[in-house]
């Protein structure tokens, strides 16, 4: 794959991850949430980072391990994390994922990009998984920005191009 295409993918994926990080940093304590619930701000942020990490791993569920203190509960229906994760913990996890993303994209070749990976019922090429993953991040970053706007009348700005 051309270096230029890799750079474009890194710039745009990085922009989405930066928007997620900006939303986490902008979230006041009273919006962050303190309950173990699917509907708390912190959980949406965690969910997004966890799945981004997994989709960048190229391994089956049974071989995936998120960094501590995070668990594999996302793979199970109705299994929530054992506690509310802090903004600092999620920002550290996000930084880990940002580095992983840049490394992953830098390692893609034209051939490997088109190889198919089956995850659950989905059978996509690595390139399609990457775009699917980017869309998932952007979907939840927008959701978190909407929550911030509704609850604080403020939200972080759009990031048009991330950093390499």
C-alpha atoms as a PDB file:
ATOM      1  CA  UNK A   1       0.000   0.000   0.000  1.00  0.00           C
ATOM      2  CA  UNK A   2       1.314   3.424  -0.776  1.00  0.00           C
ATOM      3  CA  UNK A   3       2.740   5.467   2.065  1.00  0.00           C
ATOM      4  CA  UNK A   4       0.416   8.302   1.080  1.00  0.00           C
ATOM      5  CA  UNK A   5      -2.697   6.146   1.577  1.00  0.00           C
ATOM      6  CA  UNK A   6      -1.346   4.926   4.913  1.00  0.00           C
ATOM      7  CA  UNK A   7      -0.796   8.540   5.990  1.00  0.00           C
ATOM      8  CA  UNK A   8      -4.363   9.476   5.019  1.00  0.00           C
ATOM      9  CA  UNK A   9      -5.778   6.545   6.996  1.00  0.00           C
ATOM     10  CA  UNK A  10      -3.649   7.457  10.018  1.00  0.00           C
ATOM     11  CA  UNK A  11      -4.627  11.151   9.803  1.00  0.00           C
ATOM     12  CA  UNK A  12      -8.358  10.367   9.675  1.00  0.00           C
ATOM     13  CA  UNK A  13      -8.393   7.554  12.228  1.00  0.00           C
ATOM     14  CA  UNK A  14      -6.260   9.698  14.528  1.00  0.00           C
ATOM     15  CA  UNK A  15      -8.734  12.579  14.137  1.00  0.00           C
ATOM     16  CA  UNK A  16     -11.592  10.352  15.291  1.00  0.00           C
ATOM     17  CA  UNK A  17      -9.593   9.093  18.266  1.00  0.00           C
ATOM     18  CA  UNK A  18      -8.619  12.663  19.143  1.00  0.00           C
ATOM     19  CA  UNK A  19     -12.279  13.680  19.081  1.00  0.00           C
ATOM     20  CA  UNK A  20     -13.043  10.834  21.475  1.00  0.00           C
ATOM     21  CA  UNK A  21     -10.216  11.952  23.763  1.00  0.00           C
ATOM     22  CA  UNK A  22     -11.373  15.558  23.614  1.00  0.00           C
ATOM     23  CA  UNK A  23     -14.865  14.507  24.684  1.00  0.00           C
ATOM     24  CA  UNK A  24     -13.443  12.524  27.615  1.00  0.00           C
ATOM     25  CA  UNK A  25     -11.294  15.483  28.713  1.00  0.00           C
ATOM     26  CA  UNK A  26     -14.239  17.904  28.398  1.00  0.00           C
ATOM     27  CA  UNK A  27     -16.605  15.800  30.469  1.00  0.00           C
ATOM     28  CA  UNK A  28     -17.299  17.240  33.945  1.00  0.00           C
ATOM     29  CA  UNK A  29     -17.630  14.881  36.903  1.00  0.00           C
ATOM     30  CA  UNK A  30     -21.387  15.366  37.123  1.00  0.00           C
ATOM     31  CA  UNK A  31     -21.800  14.125  33.539  1.00  0.00           C
ATOM     32  CA  UNK A  32     -19.160  11.346  33.699  1.00  0.00           C
ATOM     33  CA  UNK A  33     -21.437   9.198  35.816  1.00  0.00           C
ATOM     34  CA  UNK A  34     -20.878   7.092  38.865  1.00  0.00           C
ATOM     35  CA  UNK A  35     -23.086   4.096  38.180  1.00  0.00           C
ATOM     36  CA  UNK A  36     -22.189   0.832  36.495  1.00  0.00           C
ATOM     37  CA  UNK A  37     -24.624   1.240  33.621  1.00  0.00           C
ATOM     38  CA  UNK A  38     -24.733   1.085  29.836  1.00  0.00           C
ATOM     39  CA  UNK A  39     -26.135   4.605  29.808  1.00  0.00           C
ATOM     40  CA  UNK A  40     -23.326   6.472  31.538  1.00  0.00           C
ATOM     41  CA  UNK A  41     -20.897   8.720  29.653  1.00  0.00           C
ATOM     42  CA  UNK A  42     -17.884   6.767  30.944  1.00  0.00           C
ATOM     43  CA  UNK A  43     -19.298   3.487  29.640  1.00  0.00           C
ATOM     44  CA  UNK A  44     -19.773   4.773  26.083  1.00  0.00           C
ATOM     45  CA  UNK A  45     -16.167   5.998  26.121  1.00  0.00           C
ATOM     46  CA  UNK A  46     -14.886   2.679  27.486  1.00  0.00           C
ATOM     47  CA  UNK A  47     -16.955   0.625  25.033  1.00  0.00           C
ATOM     48  CA  UNK A  48     -15.546   2.598  22.111  1.00  0.00           C
ATOM     49  CA  UNK A  49     -11.919   2.231  23.189  1.00  0.00           C
ATOM     50  CA  UNK A  50     -12.296  -1.483  23.985  1.00  0.00           C
ATOM     51  CA  UNK A  51     -13.757  -2.360  20.577  1.00  0.00           C
ATOM     52  CA  UNK A  52     -11.246  -0.167  18.762  1.00  0.00           C
ATOM     53  CA  UNK A  53      -8.468  -2.060  20.535  1.00  0.00           C
ATOM     54  CA  UNK A  54     -10.011  -5.427  19.685  1.00  0.00           C
ATOM     55  CA  UNK A  55     -10.631  -4.622  16.008  1.00  0.00           C
ATOM     56  CA  UNK A  56      -7.004  -3.492  15.644  1.00  0.00           C
ATOM     57  CA  UNK A  57      -5.739  -6.748  17.152  1.00  0.00           C
ATOM     58  CA  UNK A  58      -6.310  -9.222  14.305  1.00  0.00           C
ATOM     59  CA  UNK A  59      -6.865 -12.013  16.826  1.00  0.00           C
ATOM     60  CA  UNK A  60      -9.886 -14.108  17.777  1.00  0.00           C
ATOM     61  CA  UNK A  61     -11.795 -13.166  20.925  1.00  0.00           C
ATOM     62  CA  UNK A  62     -10.179 -15.943  22.944  1.00  0.00           C
ATOM     63  CA  UNK A  63      -6.679 -14.565  22.256  1.00  0.00           C
ATOM     64  CA  UNK A  64      -7.441 -10.890  22.922  1.00  0.00           C
ATOM     65  CA  UNK A  65      -6.356  -9.286  26.198  1.00  0.00           C
ATOM     66  CA  UNK A  66      -6.979  -5.599  26.913  1.00  0.00           C
ATOM     67  CA  UNK A  67      -4.466  -3.916  29.215  1.00  0.00           C
ATOM     68  CA  UNK A  68      -5.164  -3.925  32.953  1.00  0.00           C
ATOM     69  CA  UNK A  69      -7.468  -2.952  34.610  1.00  0.00           C
ATOM     70  CA  UNK A  70      -9.863  -3.567  31.719  1.00  0.00           C
ATOM     71  CA  UNK A  71     -11.825  -6.795  31.353  1.00  0.00           C
ATOM     72  CA  UNK A  72     -13.302  -8.953  28.602  1.00  0.00           C
ATOM     73  CA  UNK A  73     -16.887  -8.286  29.674  1.00  0.00           C
ATOM     74  CA  UNK A  74     -17.652  -6.507  26.393  1.00  0.00           C
ATOM     75  CA  UNK A  75     -17.678  -9.923  24.711  1.00  0.00           C
ATOM     76  CA  UNK A  76     -20.508 -11.101  26.964  1.00  0.00           C
ATOM     77  CA  UNK A  77     -24.064  -9.822  26.852  1.00  0.00           C
ATOM     78  CA  UNK A  78     -25.055  -7.981  30.009  1.00  0.00           C
ATOM     79  CA  UNK A  79     -21.593  -8.121  31.608  1.00  0.00           C
ATOM     80  CA  UNK A  80     -20.533  -4.626  32.594  1.00  0.00           C
ATOM     81  CA  UNK A  81     -17.126  -3.624  33.944  1.00  0.00           C
ATOM     82  CA  UNK A  82     -16.730  -4.243  37.686  1.00  0.00           C
ATOM     83  CA  UNK A  83     -16.435  -0.522  38.418  1.00  0.00           C
ATOM     84  CA  UNK A  84     -16.604   2.937  36.856  1.00  0.00           C
ATOM     85  CA  UNK A  85     -13.369   3.698  35.022  1.00  0.00           C
ATOM     86  CA  UNK A  86     -11.841   7.137  35.529  1.00  0.00           C
ATOM     87  CA  UNK A  87     -11.144   9.635  32.765  1.00  0.00           C
ATOM     88  CA  UNK A  88      -7.405   9.202  33.420  1.00  0.00           C
ATOM     89  CA  UNK A  89      -7.655   5.425  32.964  1.00  0.00           C
ATOM     90  CA  UNK A  90      -9.598   5.757  29.730  1.00  0.00           C
ATOM     91  CA  UNK A  91      -7.268   8.424  28.355  1.00  0.00           C
ATOM     92  CA  UNK A  92      -4.308   6.140  29.064  1.00  0.00           C
ATOM     93  CA  UNK A  93      -6.094   3.267  27.298  1.00  0.00           C
ATOM     94  CA  UNK A  94      -6.934   5.606  24.415  1.00  0.00           C
ATOM     95  CA  UNK A  95      -3.266   6.605  24.081  1.00  0.00           C
ATOM     96  CA  UNK A  96      -2.357   2.896  23.947  1.00  0.00           C
ATOM     97  CA  UNK A  97      -4.941   2.384  21.186  1.00  0.00           C
ATOM     98  CA  UNK A  98      -3.762   5.453  19.225  1.00  0.00           C
ATOM     99  CA  UNK A  99      -0.228   4.041  19.136  1.00  0.00           C
ATOM    100  CA  UNK A 100      -1.569   0.605  18.202  1.00  0.00           C
ATOM    101  CA  UNK A 101      -3.594   2.152  15.366  1.00  0.00           C
ATOM    102  CA  UNK A 102      -0.606   3.949  13.852  1.00  0.00           C
ATOM    103  CA  UNK A 103       1.493   0.776  14.063  1.00  0.00           C
ATOM    104  CA  UNK A 104      -1.304  -1.341  12.584  1.00  0.00           C
ATOM    105  CA  UNK A 105      -1.870   0.942   9.607  1.00  0.00           C
ATOM    106  CA  UNK A 106       1.871   1.382   9.004  1.00  0.00           C
ATOM    107  CA  UNK A 107       2.218  -2.397   8.769  1.00  0.00           C
ATOM    108  CA  UNK A 108      -0.471  -2.847   6.138  1.00  0.00           C
ATOM    109  CA  UNK A 109       0.485  -3.764   2.602  1.00  0.00           C
ATOM    110  CA  UNK A 110      -1.758  -3.773  -0.469  1.00  0.00           C
ATOM    111  CA  UNK A 111      -2.031  -7.538  -0.090  1.00  0.00           C
ATOM    112  CA  UNK A 112      -2.620  -7.680   3.676  1.00  0.00           C
ATOM    113  CA  UNK A 113      -5.151  -4.856   3.457  1.00  0.00           C
ATOM    114  CA  UNK A 114      -7.377  -7.012   1.245  1.00  0.00           C
ATOM    115  CA  UNK A 115      -7.102 -10.206   3.336  1.00  0.00           C
ATOM    116  CA  UNK A 116     -10.384 -11.146   4.954  1.00  0.00           C
ATOM    117  CA  UNK A 117     -10.951 -11.537   8.674  1.00  0.00           C
ATOM    118  CA  UNK A 118     -14.086 -13.108  10.075  1.00  0.00           C
ATOM    119  CA  UNK A 119     -15.181 -11.684  13.410  1.00  0.00           C
ATOM    120  CA  UNK A 120     -18.508 -12.947  14.612  1.00  0.00           C
ATOM    121  CA  UNK A 121     -20.892 -12.938  11.654  1.00  0.00           C
ATOM    122  CA  UNK A 122     -18.911 -10.301   9.749  1.00  0.00           C
ATOM    123  CA  UNK A 123     -16.351 -11.241   7.097  1.00  0.00           C
ATOM    124  CA  UNK A 124     -14.532  -8.100   5.941  1.00  0.00           C
ATOM    125  CA  UNK A 125     -11.167  -7.253   4.476  1.00  0.00           C
ATOM    126  CA  UNK A 126      -8.708  -5.587   6.852  1.00  0.00           C
ATOM    127  CA  UNK A 127      -9.355  -2.311   5.038  1.00  0.00           C
ATOM    128  CA  UNK A 128     -13.105  -2.620   5.554  1.00  0.00           C
ATOM    129  CA  UNK A 129     -12.566  -3.546   9.239  1.00  0.00           C
ATOM    130  CA  UNK A 130     -10.415  -0.450   9.595  1.00  0.00           C
ATOM    131  CA  UNK A 131     -13.110   1.775   8.082  1.00  0.00           C
ATOM    132  CA  UNK A 132     -15.822   0.031  10.118  1.00  0.00           C
ATOM    133  CA  UNK A 133     -13.750   0.664  13.238  1.00  0.00           C
ATOM    134  CA  UNK A 134     -13.206   4.328  12.331  1.00  0.00           C
ATOM    135  CA  UNK A 135     -16.968   4.779  11.808  1.00  0.00           C
ATOM    136  CA  UNK A 136     -17.638   3.164  15.200  1.00  0.00           C
ATOM    137  CA  UNK A 137     -15.253   5.592  16.919  1.00  0.00           C
ATOM    138  CA  UNK A 138     -16.777   8.581  15.152  1.00  0.00           C
ATOM    139  CA  UNK A 139     -20.317   7.439  15.950  1.00  0.00           C
ATOM    140  CA  UNK A 140     -19.593   7.309  19.679  1.00  0.00           C
ATOM    141  CA  UNK A 141     -17.435  10.451  19.699  1.00  0.00           C
ATOM    142  CA  UNK A 142     -20.420  12.275  18.193  1.00  0.00           C
ATOM    143  CA  UNK A 143     -22.748  10.659  20.735  1.00  0.00           C
ATOM    144  CA  UNK A 144     -20.523  11.841  23.611  1.00  0.00           C
ATOM    145  CA  UNK A 145     -20.322  15.341  22.144  1.00  0.00           C
ATOM    146  CA  UNK A 146     -24.119  15.420  21.913  1.00  0.00           C
ATOM    147  CA  UNK A 147     -24.386  14.380  25.572  1.00  0.00           C
ATOM    148  CA  UNK A 148     -21.958  17.155  26.512  1.00  0.00           C
ATOM    149  CA  UNK A 149     -23.870  19.700  24.461  1.00  0.00           C
ATOM    150  CA  UNK A 150     -27.194  18.652  26.031  1.00  0.00           C
ATOM    151  CA  UNK A 151     -25.911  18.634  29.597  1.00  0.00           C
ATOM    152  CA  UNK A 152     -23.323  21.447  29.615  1.00  0.00           C
ATOM    153  CA  UNK A 153     -24.169  23.511  26.529  1.00  0.00           C
ATOM    154  CA  UNK A 154     -20.602  22.959  25.347  1.00  0.00           C
ATOM    155  CA  UNK A 155     -18.678  20.344  23.385  1.00  0.00           C
ATOM    156  CA  UNK A 156     -15.201  20.052  21.865  1.00  0.00           C
ATOM    157  CA  UNK A 157     -14.579  21.216  18.322  1.00  0.00           C
ATOM    158  CA  UNK A 158     -14.331  19.035  15.231  1.00  0.00           C
ATOM    159  CA  UNK A 159     -10.874  17.643  14.469  1.00  0.00           C
ATOM    160  CA  UNK A 160     -10.439  17.614  10.703  1.00  0.00           C
ATOM    161  CA  UNK A 161      -7.071  15.879  10.567  1.00  0.00           C
ATOM    162  CA  UNK A 162      -5.249  13.998  13.263  1.00  0.00           C
ATOM    163  CA  UNK A 163      -1.558  13.834  13.925  1.00  0.00           C
ATOM    164  CA  UNK A 164       0.840  11.160  12.756  1.00  0.00           C
END
